[in-house]
């Protein structure tokens, strides 16, 4: 029987690194919920249930060259591209050292110039035309950089999705659009969002490839995104990738998901958690032992504890900076 890890070209160290990043995203998210419920941080928008696809995708990209335009659940993506655990907690606490906005934006609005993480805005889907713009610049400047943008399946019904994809398709721009279909657009189930079977079916209308993949299958996600990345670099244009997963938490810390789904439904999906599935595969293949897994857990716990403590003690932005980036300096707009 062919080892699937060999077919996608990933070695043991890479696979274990992927697992560590998936687990880091999950453990950070779990800590965020504890901090929110204890009144320490104001808001959480969760990645739980989508870490596998986020990390598998990130490993298929070039974090030294590509630009990413993540949506608010993409904690795993920004961690892989260079945002540190400490920085993630600084944004959760809204502290002055928050690299995303100095505490000015609400959590989940990621942006960090040095790591080519392009900031998003609260209106959903506005990042898709922006991604097309970065891809156009890459093509005009003859750079080997791909523009990678994500959104939820509910956002794919917005006009920006059509405009950005259509423009990228017409001009064959190096761009990957990933719809992270977690089955709910806040409180609206997928069956009431779209009439087509798959979000990826919409690619036909733009004349580009569209692929739907199991978001809990890390190796398949990696393969699909790697192929889309190679297409983009060859000048063959954008690809629409739809990953299927399940949101294991409420839409946000202000949402009561029991008004539109049941505890039994959520519990059932937790039994097929993609991280546990990936971990079991690593152990079965002999790439990870129980002892090594426990060591990773301990290391991540220490990292998260230190980041939490630092962020909690860090100062808020001084009131004198209130108008920074709002008004011009010295009377000049």
Protein backbone atom coordinates (compact mmCIF):
# COMPACT_ATOMS: atom_id res chain seq x y z
CA UNK A 1 0.00 0.00 0.00
CA UNK A 2 1.41 3.40 -0.98
CA UNK A 3 2.12 5.76 1.92
CA UNK A 4 0.04 8.88 1.24
CA UNK A 5 2.66 11.14 2.84
CA UNK A 6 5.16 10.01 0.21
CA UNK A 7 2.81 10.93 -2.64
CA UNK A 8 2.70 14.58 -1.56
CA UNK A 9 6.43 14.85 -0.83
CA UNK A 10 6.32 15.64 2.90
CA UNK A 11 8.92 14.21 5.27
CA UNK A 12 8.56 13.31 8.94
CA UNK A 13 9.91 16.60 10.32
CA UNK A 14 7.57 18.63 8.13
CA UNK A 15 4.55 16.56 9.12
CA UNK A 16 5.33 16.86 12.82
CA UNK A 17 5.84 20.62 12.38
CA UNK A 18 2.41 20.80 10.74
CA UNK A 19 0.88 18.96 13.68
CA UNK A 20 2.55 21.29 16.17
CA UNK A 21 1.14 24.36 14.41
CA UNK A 22 -2.36 22.86 14.23
CA UNK A 23 -2.20 22.12 17.94
CA UNK A 24 -0.80 25.57 18.74
CA UNK A 25 -3.72 27.25 16.98
CA UNK A 26 -6.19 25.03 18.85
CA UNK A 27 -4.61 25.60 22.26
CA UNK A 28 -4.38 29.37 21.74
CA UNK A 29 -8.03 29.44 20.75
CA UNK A 30 -9.04 27.41 23.80
CA UNK A 31 -7.11 29.79 26.06
CA UNK A 32 -8.83 32.76 24.42
CA UNK A 33 -12.24 31.37 25.36
CA UNK A 34 -11.16 30.92 28.98
CA UNK A 35 -9.85 34.49 29.09
CA UNK A 36 -13.04 35.82 27.53
CA UNK A 37 -15.34 33.96 29.90
CA UNK A 38 -13.31 35.19 32.88
CA UNK A 39 -13.65 38.79 31.68
CA UNK A 40 -10.00 39.29 30.74
CA UNK A 41 -10.45 39.83 26.99
CA UNK A 42 -13.51 41.24 25.24
CA UNK A 43 -14.05 39.07 22.18
CA UNK A 44 -13.14 35.77 20.51
CA UNK A 45 -13.78 34.67 16.95
CA UNK A 46 -12.74 31.06 16.81
CA UNK A 47 -10.71 28.85 14.45
CA UNK A 48 -11.64 25.56 16.12
CA UNK A 49 -12.47 22.94 13.52
CA UNK A 50 -10.53 24.70 10.74
CA UNK A 51 -6.94 24.45 11.96
CA UNK A 52 -6.06 21.42 9.83
CA UNK A 53 -6.96 23.04 6.53
CA UNK A 54 -5.32 26.32 7.53
CA UNK A 55 -1.98 24.77 8.40
CA UNK A 56 -1.95 22.29 5.50
CA UNK A 57 -2.65 25.16 3.13
CA UNK A 58 0.03 27.37 4.66
CA UNK A 59 2.69 24.70 4.19
CA UNK A 60 1.78 24.53 0.48
CA UNK A 61 2.42 28.27 0.09
CA UNK A 62 5.70 30.22 0.09
CA UNK A 63 5.78 32.22 3.31
CA UNK A 64 8.85 34.10 2.13
CA UNK A 65 7.22 35.46 -1.04
CA UNK A 66 3.43 35.11 -1.08
CA UNK A 67 0.94 37.66 0.20
CA UNK A 68 -1.92 36.44 2.35
CA UNK A 69 -5.26 38.13 2.93
CA UNK A 70 -6.82 36.11 5.75
CA UNK A 71 -10.29 36.32 7.17
CA UNK A 72 -10.99 36.53 10.86
CA UNK A 73 -10.81 32.78 11.61
CA UNK A 74 -7.38 32.25 10.06
CA UNK A 75 -5.31 32.03 13.23
CA UNK A 76 -3.44 29.02 11.88
CA UNK A 77 -2.48 30.82 8.68
CA UNK A 78 -1.08 33.91 10.39
CA UNK A 79 0.85 31.80 12.91
CA UNK A 80 2.54 29.93 10.08
CA UNK A 81 3.38 33.14 8.24
CA UNK A 82 5.24 34.52 11.24
CA UNK A 83 2.89 36.08 13.77
CA UNK A 84 4.03 34.95 17.20
CA UNK A 85 1.95 33.57 20.04
CA UNK A 86 2.80 36.66 22.09
CA UNK A 87 1.61 38.95 19.30
CA UNK A 88 -1.66 37.03 19.00
CA UNK A 89 -2.37 37.57 22.68
CA UNK A 90 -1.37 41.23 22.49
CA UNK A 91 -4.09 41.75 19.87
CA UNK A 92 -6.60 39.83 21.97
CA UNK A 93 -5.92 42.14 24.91
CA UNK A 94 -5.85 45.22 22.64
CA UNK A 95 -2.44 46.36 23.88
CA UNK A 96 -0.12 48.98 22.40
CA UNK A 97 2.34 46.36 21.13
CA UNK A 98 -0.34 44.60 19.09
CA UNK A 99 1.31 44.41 15.64
CA UNK A 100 -2.01 44.31 13.82
CA UNK A 101 -3.29 47.72 14.83
CA UNK A 102 -1.80 48.79 18.15
CA UNK A 103 -5.02 47.76 19.86
CA UNK A 104 -7.22 49.85 17.58
CA UNK A 105 -8.89 47.00 15.68
CA UNK A 106 -11.11 44.32 17.11
CA UNK A 107 -9.54 40.84 17.46
CA UNK A 108 -9.24 38.70 14.34
CA UNK A 109 -8.39 41.62 12.05
CA UNK A 110 -4.90 40.43 11.20
CA UNK A 111 -2.30 42.55 9.45
CA UNK A 112 1.50 42.55 9.60
CA UNK A 113 3.53 44.16 6.84
CA UNK A 114 6.83 42.37 7.50
CA UNK A 115 5.17 38.99 7.03
CA UNK A 116 3.01 40.11 4.07
CA UNK A 117 -0.21 39.64 6.03
CA UNK A 118 -2.62 42.15 4.53
CA UNK A 119 -5.07 43.69 6.96
CA UNK A 120 -8.76 43.07 6.49
CA UNK A 121 -11.77 45.20 7.33
CA UNK A 122 -14.97 44.25 9.15
CA UNK A 123 -17.25 44.18 6.07
CA UNK A 124 -16.81 40.60 4.85
CA UNK A 125 -15.32 39.70 1.46
CA UNK A 126 -13.66 43.06 0.81
CA UNK A 127 -10.33 41.21 0.90
CA UNK A 128 -11.01 39.39 -2.41
CA UNK A 129 -10.64 42.43 -4.73
CA UNK A 130 -7.62 43.46 -2.65
CA UNK A 131 -6.09 40.04 -3.27
CA UNK A 132 -6.64 40.49 -6.99
CA UNK A 133 -4.81 43.79 -6.74
CA UNK A 134 -1.79 42.21 -5.06
CA UNK A 135 -1.80 39.44 -7.66
CA UNK A 136 -1.92 42.02 -10.46
CA UNK A 137 1.05 43.85 -8.94
CA UNK A 138 2.95 40.57 -8.70
CA UNK A 139 2.29 39.85 -12.38
CA UNK A 140 3.23 43.36 -13.51
CA UNK A 141 6.45 43.29 -11.49
CA UNK A 142 7.24 39.76 -12.68
CA UNK A 143 7.56 38.43 -9.14
CA UNK A 144 7.20 34.79 -8.13
CA UNK A 145 4.58 35.64 -5.55
CA UNK A 146 1.06 34.31 -5.25
CA UNK A 147 -1.83 36.13 -3.60
CA UNK A 148 -3.75 33.87 -1.21
CA UNK A 149 -7.13 34.97 0.14
CA UNK A 150 -9.67 33.23 2.37
CA UNK A 151 -13.30 33.73 3.29
CA UNK A 152 -16.26 31.85 4.70
CA UNK A 153 -18.88 30.25 2.47
CA UNK A 154 -21.43 32.88 3.46
CA UNK A 155 -19.10 35.58 2.15
CA UNK A 156 -19.04 33.93 -1.27
CA UNK A 157 -22.50 35.41 -1.84
CA UNK A 158 -21.15 38.96 -1.71
CA UNK A 159 -20.44 41.03 -4.81
CA UNK A 160 -16.76 41.44 -3.93
CA UNK A 161 -16.29 37.69 -4.36
CA UNK A 162 -17.56 37.83 -7.94
CA UNK A 163 -15.71 41.01 -8.86
CA UNK A 164 -12.37 39.89 -7.45
CA UNK A 165 -12.52 36.40 -8.96
CA UNK A 166 -13.77 37.59 -12.33
CA UNK A 167 -11.00 40.18 -12.63
CA UNK A 168 -8.34 37.67 -11.57
CA UNK A 169 -9.66 35.09 -14.04
CA UNK A 170 -9.81 37.48 -17.01
CA UNK A 171 -6.23 38.64 -16.40
CA UNK A 172 -4.91 35.20 -15.37
CA UNK A 173 -3.56 36.52 -12.10
CA UNK A 174 -1.48 34.43 -9.66
CA UNK A 175 -4.15 34.06 -7.01
CA UNK A 176 -5.72 31.34 -4.87
CA UNK A 177 -9.16 31.92 -3.39
CA UNK A 178 -10.05 29.57 -0.56
CA UNK A 179 -13.61 29.33 0.72
CA UNK A 180 -13.51 27.77 4.18
CA UNK A 181 -16.93 26.17 4.22
CA UNK A 182 -17.72 25.45 7.88
CA UNK A 183 -21.42 24.89 7.16
CA UNK A 184 -22.74 28.02 8.90
CA UNK A 185 -22.69 31.70 7.98
CA UNK A 186 -23.20 32.90 11.55
CA UNK A 187 -26.63 31.30 12.14
CA UNK A 188 -27.59 30.38 8.58
CA UNK A 189 -26.91 26.77 7.45
CA UNK A 190 -25.37 26.10 4.06
CA UNK A 191 -28.67 24.78 2.65
CA UNK A 192 -30.18 28.25 3.04
CA UNK A 193 -27.15 30.09 1.65
CA UNK A 194 -26.65 28.60 -1.81
CA UNK A 195 -28.56 26.43 -4.28
CA UNK A 196 -25.53 24.83 -5.93
CA UNK A 197 -24.05 21.62 -4.56
CA UNK A 198 -20.56 23.02 -4.01
CA UNK A 199 -19.21 26.56 -3.71
CA UNK A 200 -16.44 25.46 -6.08
CA UNK A 201 -19.08 24.92 -8.81
CA UNK A 202 -19.08 28.69 -9.23
CA UNK A 203 -15.59 28.51 -10.75
CA UNK A 204 -17.12 27.40 -14.05
CA UNK A 205 -18.63 30.85 -14.48
CA UNK A 206 -15.19 32.43 -14.26
CA UNK A 207 -13.49 29.92 -16.53
CA UNK A 208 -11.11 28.70 -13.84
CA UNK A 209 -10.57 25.42 -11.96
CA UNK A 210 -12.71 24.83 -8.89
CA UNK A 211 -11.94 22.12 -6.35
CA UNK A 212 -13.79 20.92 -3.26
CA UNK A 213 -11.71 19.07 -0.69
CA UNK A 214 -12.20 17.58 2.78
CA UNK A 215 -10.76 20.23 5.09
CA UNK A 216 -9.93 17.61 7.72
CA UNK A 217 -7.69 15.72 5.28
CA UNK A 218 -4.42 17.61 5.68
CA UNK A 219 -2.53 15.79 2.95
CA UNK A 220 -5.27 16.24 0.37
CA UNK A 221 -5.61 19.94 1.21
CA UNK A 222 -1.85 20.32 0.86
CA UNK A 223 -1.88 18.58 -2.53
CA UNK A 224 -4.73 20.66 -3.92
CA UNK A 225 -3.26 23.98 -2.78
CA UNK A 226 0.23 23.01 -3.97
CA UNK A 227 -1.18 22.35 -7.45
CA UNK A 228 -3.06 25.67 -7.41
CA UNK A 229 0.14 27.44 -6.35
CA UNK A 230 2.10 25.87 -9.21
CA UNK A 231 -0.64 26.84 -11.68
CA UNK A 232 -0.50 30.42 -10.47
CA UNK A 233 3.28 30.63 -10.82
CA UNK A 234 3.08 29.23 -14.35
CA UNK A 235 0.80 32.07 -15.40
CA UNK A 236 -2.29 29.84 -15.67
CA UNK A 237 -4.43 32.05 -13.46
CA UNK A 238 -6.40 31.68 -10.24
CA UNK A 239 -7.96 28.62 -8.62
CA UNK A 240 -11.06 28.48 -6.42
CA UNK A 241 -10.58 25.99 -3.58
CA UNK A 242 -13.41 25.02 -1.24
CA UNK A 243 -12.49 23.25 1.99
CA UNK A 244 -15.23 21.46 3.91
CA UNK A 245 -15.00 21.56 7.70
CA UNK A 246 -17.23 22.27 10.69
CA UNK A 247 -17.18 25.18 13.12
CA UNK A 248 -16.86 23.54 16.55
CA UNK A 249 -17.64 26.72 18.51
CA UNK A 250 -20.27 29.47 18.32
CA UNK A 251 -19.72 32.05 15.58
CA UNK A 252 -18.07 34.26 18.19
CA UNK A 253 -18.01 34.71 21.95
CA UNK A 254 -21.17 36.82 21.61
CA UNK A 255 -23.14 34.13 19.77
CA UNK A 256 -25.50 31.49 21.18
CA UNK A 257 -25.20 28.71 18.61
CA UNK A 258 -27.79 26.58 20.39
CA UNK A 259 -30.48 28.78 18.82
CA UNK A 260 -29.74 27.32 15.38
CA UNK A 261 -28.07 23.94 15.94
CA UNK A 262 -28.03 21.21 18.60
CA UNK A 263 -25.50 19.98 21.14
CA UNK A 264 -25.75 16.51 19.60
CA UNK A 265 -24.75 17.88 16.19
CA UNK A 266 -21.69 19.65 17.60
CA UNK A 267 -20.72 16.63 19.72
CA UNK A 268 -20.93 14.35 16.70
CA UNK A 269 -18.53 16.52 14.70
CA UNK A 270 -16.10 16.67 17.62
CA UNK A 271 -15.69 12.91 17.32
CA UNK A 272 -14.23 13.39 13.83
CA UNK A 273 -11.89 16.25 14.77
CA UNK A 274 -9.27 16.72 12.05
CA UNK A 275 -6.39 17.35 14.47
CA UNK A 276 -6.98 14.02 16.23
CA UNK A 277 -7.22 12.37 12.81
CA UNK A 278 -3.87 13.83 11.75
CA UNK A 279 -2.25 12.90 15.06
CA UNK A 280 -3.46 9.30 14.74
CA UNK A 281 -2.04 9.12 11.23
CA UNK A 282 1.37 10.31 12.44
CA UNK A 283 1.41 7.74 15.24
CA UNK A 284 0.29 4.96 12.88
CA UNK A 285 3.06 5.84 10.41
CA UNK A 286 5.66 5.90 13.21
CA UNK A 287 6.32 9.64 12.84
CA UNK A 288 5.12 10.53 16.35
CA UNK A 289 5.05 8.73 19.71
CA UNK A 290 2.75 9.32 22.66
CA UNK A 291 5.72 10.62 24.64
CA UNK A 292 6.65 13.09 21.90
CA UNK A 293 3.05 14.22 21.69
CA UNK A 294 2.97 14.91 25.42
CA UNK A 295 6.22 16.87 25.11
CA UNK A 296 4.70 19.03 22.36
CA UNK A 297 1.65 19.70 24.56
CA UNK A 298 3.85 20.72 27.49
CA UNK A 299 5.95 23.00 25.29
CA UNK A 300 2.88 24.70 23.84
CA UNK A 301 1.35 25.18 27.28
CA UNK A 302 4.47 26.96 28.49
CA UNK A 303 4.59 29.12 25.36
CA UNK A 304 0.94 30.11 25.77
CA UNK A 305 1.27 30.75 29.51
CA UNK A 306 4.24 33.07 28.94
CA UNK A 307 2.47 34.90 26.10
CA UNK A 308 -0.69 35.34 28.16
CA UNK A 309 1.22 36.74 31.13
CA UNK A 310 3.21 39.13 28.94
CA UNK A 311 0.14 40.43 27.12
CA UNK A 312 -1.81 40.84 30.35
CA UNK A 313 0.95 42.99 31.87
CA UNK A 314 1.72 44.98 28.70
CA UNK A 315 0.57 48.62 28.59
CA UNK A 316 -2.34 49.92 26.56
CA UNK A 317 -1.70 52.62 23.97
CA UNK A 318 -1.11 56.04 25.49
CA UNK A 319 -3.93 58.52 25.06
CA UNK A 320 -1.51 60.84 23.24
CA UNK A 321 -1.53 58.41 20.30
CA UNK A 322 -5.31 58.66 19.88
CA UNK A 323 -5.16 60.51 16.56
CA UNK A 324 -2.17 58.63 15.11
CA UNK A 325 -2.90 57.37 11.59
CA UNK A 326 -6.11 59.45 11.59
CA UNK A 327 -4.90 62.99 10.98
CA UNK A 328 -1.86 64.23 9.10
CA UNK A 329 1.28 65.34 10.94
CA UNK A 330 2.14 69.04 11.07
CA UNK A 331 -1.09 70.13 9.42
CA UNK A 332 -0.40 68.16 6.24
CA UNK A 333 -3.12 65.73 5.15
